[in-house]
N, C-alpha and C. Protein backbone atom coordinates (compact mmCIF):
# COMPACT_ATOMS: atom_id res chain seq x y z
N MET A 1 0.79 -1.19 -0.16
CA MET A 1 -0.03 0.05 0.16
C MET A 1 0.93 1.41 0.09
N LEU A 2 1.79 1.24 0.14
CA LEU A 2 2.85 2.49 0.39
C LEU A 2 3.19 3.02 -1.35
N CYS A 3 2.98 2.16 -2.27
CA CYS A 3 3.28 2.65 -3.38
C CYS A 3 2.52 4.11 -3.97
N PRO A 4 1.18 3.52 -3.86
CA PRO A 4 0.18 4.47 -4.36
C PRO A 4 0.18 5.62 -3.43
N LEU A 5 0.42 5.48 -2.59
CA LEU A 5 0.85 6.96 -1.42
C LEU A 5 2.05 7.80 -1.99
N LEU A 6 3.18 6.82 -2.22
CA LEU A 6 4.45 7.50 -2.91
C LEU A 6 4.25 7.97 -4.20
N TYR A 7 3.22 7.59 -5.04
CA TYR A 7 2.97 8.08 -6.41
C TYR A 7 2.22 9.37 -6.33
N ILE A 8 1.38 9.19 -5.24
CA ILE A 8 0.74 10.81 -4.72
C ILE A 8 1.43 12.05 -4.55
N LEU A 9 2.32 11.24 -3.70
CA LEU A 9 3.32 12.25 -3.00
C LEU A 9 4.33 12.93 -4.17
N SER A 10 4.59 12.10 -5.41
CA SER A 10 5.73 12.65 -6.25
C SER A 10 4.96 13.32 -7.19
N THR A 11 3.89 12.77 -7.53
CA THR A 11 3.09 13.54 -8.45
C THR A 11 2.42 14.80 -8.40
N ALA A 12 2.04 15.38 -7.07
CA ALA A 12 1.71 16.09 -6.24
C ALA A 12 2.82 17.21 -6.55
N GLU A 13 3.91 16.94 -6.13
CA GLU A 13 4.93 17.65 -6.23
C GLU A 13 5.51 18.30 -8.12
N LEU A 14 5.35 17.22 -8.51
CA LEU A 14 5.65 17.43 -10.13
C LEU A 14 4.14 18.40 -10.91
N ALA A 15 3.01 18.44 -10.20
CA ALA A 15 1.81 19.24 -10.36
C ALA A 15 2.32 20.82 -9.77
N LEU A 16 3.36 20.94 -8.76
CA LEU A 16 3.55 22.13 -8.34
C LEU A 16 4.35 22.60 -9.34
N VAL A 17 5.55 22.25 -9.67
CA VAL A 17 6.33 22.54 -10.78
C VAL A 17 5.81 23.03 -12.13
N VAL A 18 4.99 22.20 -12.48
CA VAL A 18 4.25 22.64 -13.53
C VAL A 18 3.27 23.67 -13.46
N SER A 19 2.52 23.73 -12.64
CA SER A 19 1.41 24.71 -12.41
C SER A 19 2.42 26.09 -12.28
N ARG A 20 3.45 26.33 -12.24
CA ARG A 20 3.94 27.91 -11.91
C ARG A 20 4.33 28.23 -13.26
N HIS A 21 3.81 27.19 -14.72
CA HIS A 21 3.94 27.92 -16.32
C HIS A 21 2.91 27.19 -16.52
N GLU A 22 2.44 26.45 -16.74
CA GLU A 22 0.87 25.97 -17.58
C GLU A 22 0.14 25.12 -16.87
N THR A 23 -0.76 24.56 -17.45
CA THR A 23 -1.94 23.72 -17.03
C THR A 23 -1.43 22.22 -16.96
N VAL A 24 -1.73 21.57 -16.20
CA VAL A 24 -1.14 20.39 -15.84
C VAL A 24 -2.15 19.13 -15.73
N THR A 25 -2.67 17.80 -16.11
CA THR A 25 -3.52 16.89 -15.92
C THR A 25 -2.84 15.71 -15.78
N ILE A 26 -2.91 15.25 -14.68
CA ILE A 26 -2.08 14.00 -13.82
C ILE A 26 -3.30 12.90 -13.88
N GLN A 27 -3.00 11.61 -14.64
CA GLN A 27 -4.40 10.23 -14.70
C GLN A 27 -3.37 9.40 -14.36
N ALA A 28 -3.48 8.70 -13.35
CA ALA A 28 -2.87 7.41 -13.19
C ALA A 28 -1.33 7.66 -13.29
N ASP A 29 -0.66 7.13 -14.71
CA ASP A 29 0.72 6.65 -14.81
C ASP A 29 1.02 8.04 -15.93
N ASP A 30 0.12 8.84 -15.94
CA ASP A 30 0.49 9.53 -17.27
C ASP A 30 0.06 11.35 -16.96
N CYS A 31 1.03 12.38 -17.19
CA CYS A 31 1.17 13.14 -16.69
C CYS A 31 1.10 13.90 -18.49
N GLN A 32 -0.13 15.01 -18.53
CA GLN A 32 -0.18 16.01 -19.67
C GLN A 32 -0.20 17.40 -19.12
N VAL A 33 0.93 18.53 -20.01
CA VAL A 33 1.19 19.56 -20.13
C VAL A 33 0.38 20.26 -21.12
N TYR A 34 -0.23 21.06 -20.97
CA TYR A 34 -0.87 21.81 -21.99
C TYR A 34 -0.78 23.50 -22.11
N VAL A 35 -1.22 24.05 -22.91
CA VAL A 35 -1.14 25.29 -23.40
C VAL A 35 -2.28 25.60 -24.37
N SER A 36 -2.93 26.87 -24.13
CA SER A 36 -4.18 27.42 -25.30
C SER A 36 -3.52 28.69 -25.64
N THR A 37 -3.54 28.83 -27.04
CA THR A 37 -2.98 29.93 -27.09
C THR A 37 -3.26 30.45 -28.91
N THR A 38 -3.59 31.63 -28.91
CA THR A 38 -3.84 32.38 -30.38
C THR A 38 -2.58 32.23 -31.02
N VAL A 39 -3.04 32.15 -32.65
CA VAL A 39 -1.70 32.06 -33.32
C VAL A 39 -0.86 32.99 -33.27
N ASP A 40 -1.08 34.16 -32.98
CA ASP A 40 -0.34 35.30 -32.73
C ASP A 40 0.45 35.17 -31.40
N ASP A 41 0.17 34.62 -30.50
CA ASP A 41 1.17 34.11 -29.17
C ASP A 41 1.81 33.04 -29.28
N THR A 42 1.87 32.58 -30.35
CA THR A 42 2.46 31.04 -30.43
C THR A 42 3.95 31.15 -29.78
N THR A 43 4.87 31.87 -30.51
CA THR A 43 6.03 32.30 -29.67
C THR A 43 6.30 32.51 -28.51
N ALA A 44 5.30 33.03 -28.14
CA ALA A 44 5.75 33.12 -26.40
C ALA A 44 5.35 32.09 -25.64
N GLU A 45 3.72 31.49 -26.00
CA GLU A 45 3.78 30.38 -25.32
C GLU A 45 4.86 29.06 -25.93
N VAL A 46 5.25 28.86 -26.78
CA VAL A 46 6.55 27.90 -27.10
C VAL A 46 7.74 28.33 -25.85
N ALA A 47 7.81 29.48 -25.92
CA ALA A 47 9.28 29.81 -24.76
C ALA A 47 8.89 29.35 -23.33
N GLN A 48 7.26 29.83 -23.06
CA GLN A 48 7.01 29.33 -22.28
C GLN A 48 6.76 27.74 -21.38
N LEU A 49 6.21 27.14 -22.87
CA LEU A 49 6.16 25.78 -22.52
C LEU A 49 7.49 25.23 -22.35
N THR A 50 8.71 25.51 -23.43
CA THR A 50 10.03 25.32 -23.13
C THR A 50 10.56 25.30 -22.03
N ALA A 51 10.37 26.32 -21.32
CA ALA A 51 10.84 26.61 -19.73
C ALA A 51 10.05 25.77 -18.96
N CYS A 52 8.98 25.66 -18.93
CA CYS A 52 8.24 24.41 -17.75
C CYS A 52 9.09 23.41 -18.57
N LEU A 53 9.06 22.60 -19.39
CA LEU A 53 9.44 21.61 -19.70
C LEU A 53 10.89 21.36 -18.93
N ALA A 54 11.85 22.55 -19.07
CA ALA A 54 13.17 22.46 -18.66
C ALA A 54 13.06 22.16 -16.69
N ASP A 55 11.75 23.11 -16.44
CA ASP A 55 11.63 22.53 -15.02
C ASP A 55 11.44 21.46 -14.35
N VAL A 56 10.80 20.78 -15.35
CA VAL A 56 9.96 19.34 -15.13
C VAL A 56 11.18 18.43 -15.26
N TYR A 57 12.23 18.64 -16.18
CA TYR A 57 13.56 17.92 -16.39
C TYR A 57 14.27 18.08 -15.33
N ALA A 58 14.46 19.47 -15.05
CA ALA A 58 15.26 19.35 -13.53
C ALA A 58 14.63 18.45 -12.20
N TRP A 59 13.44 18.83 -12.20
CA TRP A 59 12.84 17.96 -11.24
C TRP A 59 13.01 16.68 -11.21
N LEU A 60 12.70 16.04 -12.38
CA LEU A 60 13.14 14.77 -12.69
C LEU A 60 14.17 14.21 -12.20
N LYS A 61 15.21 15.06 -12.79
CA LYS A 61 16.57 14.79 -12.67
C LYS A 61 17.10 14.80 -11.02
N ASP A 62 16.62 15.89 -10.29
CA ASP A 62 16.56 16.04 -8.80
C ASP A 62 15.91 14.88 -8.44
N SER A 63 14.87 14.17 -8.46
CA SER A 63 14.27 13.05 -8.01
C SER A 63 14.53 11.62 -8.54
N HIS A 64 15.70 11.86 -9.51
CA HIS A 64 16.23 10.50 -9.78
C HIS A 64 14.89 9.63 -10.65
N ILE A 65 14.61 10.36 -11.64
CA ILE A 65 13.64 9.86 -12.56
C ILE A 65 13.86 10.07 -14.01
N ARG A 66 13.75 9.12 -14.53
CA ARG A 66 13.86 9.33 -16.10
C ARG A 66 12.82 9.94 -16.97
N MET A 67 12.84 10.52 -17.67
CA MET A 67 11.64 11.08 -18.84
C MET A 67 12.27 10.02 -20.06
N HIS A 68 11.23 9.49 -20.72
CA HIS A 68 11.03 8.76 -21.86
C HIS A 68 11.01 9.83 -22.68
N SER A 69 11.78 10.53 -23.48
CA SER A 69 11.81 11.50 -24.61
C SER A 69 10.89 11.05 -26.00
N THR A 70 11.33 9.47 -25.91
CA THR A 70 10.52 8.79 -27.34
C THR A 70 9.18 8.69 -26.90
N LYS A 71 8.61 8.80 -25.75
CA LYS A 71 6.94 8.78 -25.47
C LYS A 71 6.75 9.95 -25.06
N THR A 72 7.39 11.08 -25.37
CA THR A 72 6.55 12.33 -24.96
C THR A 72 6.45 13.28 -26.44
N PRO A 73 5.34 12.82 -26.42
CA PRO A 73 4.93 13.62 -27.94
C PRO A 73 4.66 15.15 -27.63
N ILE A 74 4.72 15.82 -28.76
CA ILE A 74 4.01 17.24 -28.74
C ILE A 74 2.91 17.15 -29.81
N THR A 75 1.87 17.89 -29.18
CA THR A 75 0.89 17.64 -30.63
C THR A 75 0.24 19.40 -30.69
N TRP A 76 -0.12 19.61 -31.73
CA TRP A 76 -0.60 21.00 -32.22
C TRP A 76 -2.00 20.57 -32.79
N LEU A 77 -2.88 21.40 -32.21
CA LEU A 77 -4.12 21.25 -32.43
C LEU A 77 -4.87 22.78 -33.46
N GLY A 78 -5.36 22.55 -34.31
CA GLY A 78 -6.36 23.69 -34.50
C GLY A 78 -6.52 23.43 -36.05
N SER A 79 -7.10 24.23 -36.66
CA SER A 79 -7.80 24.17 -37.79
C SER A 79 -6.22 24.08 -39.16
N GLN A 80 -6.73 23.76 -40.10
CA GLN A 80 -5.48 24.06 -41.39
C GLN A 80 -4.79 25.21 -41.24
N GLN A 81 -5.73 26.27 -41.56
CA GLN A 81 -5.22 27.52 -41.56
C GLN A 81 -4.32 28.02 -40.30
N GLN A 82 -5.23 27.55 -39.17
CA GLN A 82 -4.18 28.47 -37.86
C GLN A 82 -3.02 27.42 -37.84
N LEU A 83 -2.82 26.41 -38.18
CA LEU A 83 -1.61 25.63 -38.44
C LEU A 83 -0.62 26.11 -39.06
N LEU A 84 -0.90 26.30 -40.31
CA LEU A 84 -0.17 26.97 -41.37
C LEU A 84 0.50 28.28 -40.83
N ARG A 85 -0.50 29.54 -40.42
CA ARG A 85 -0.04 30.56 -39.84
C ARG A 85 1.02 30.34 -38.88
N SER A 86 0.63 29.30 -37.82
CA SER A 86 1.86 28.97 -36.76
C SER A 86 3.08 28.98 -37.10
N MET A 87 3.25 28.01 -38.42
CA MET A 87 4.28 27.82 -38.52
C MET A 87 5.39 28.71 -39.46
N LEU A 88 4.91 29.94 -39.85
CA LEU A 88 5.19 30.97 -40.69
C LEU A 88 6.24 31.69 -39.66
């Protein structure tokens, strides 16, 4: 019964690290960090998300936890026109 308690304690700390930057959702063994932005603010949000991920990586390293970067996707959602505009 100690494992669920340790998991809750560790993810609570991770949620605090992420919540300083962005919105986080933690479910079972999965953590999602997400942002919502307009096309005009994409550059600023990418910079903020990058800073957030750097803090998450530092927390993981300090906690002796490995992040599986191959299992860490980034997904852009929007209309085709919005996505094309954000890439310019």
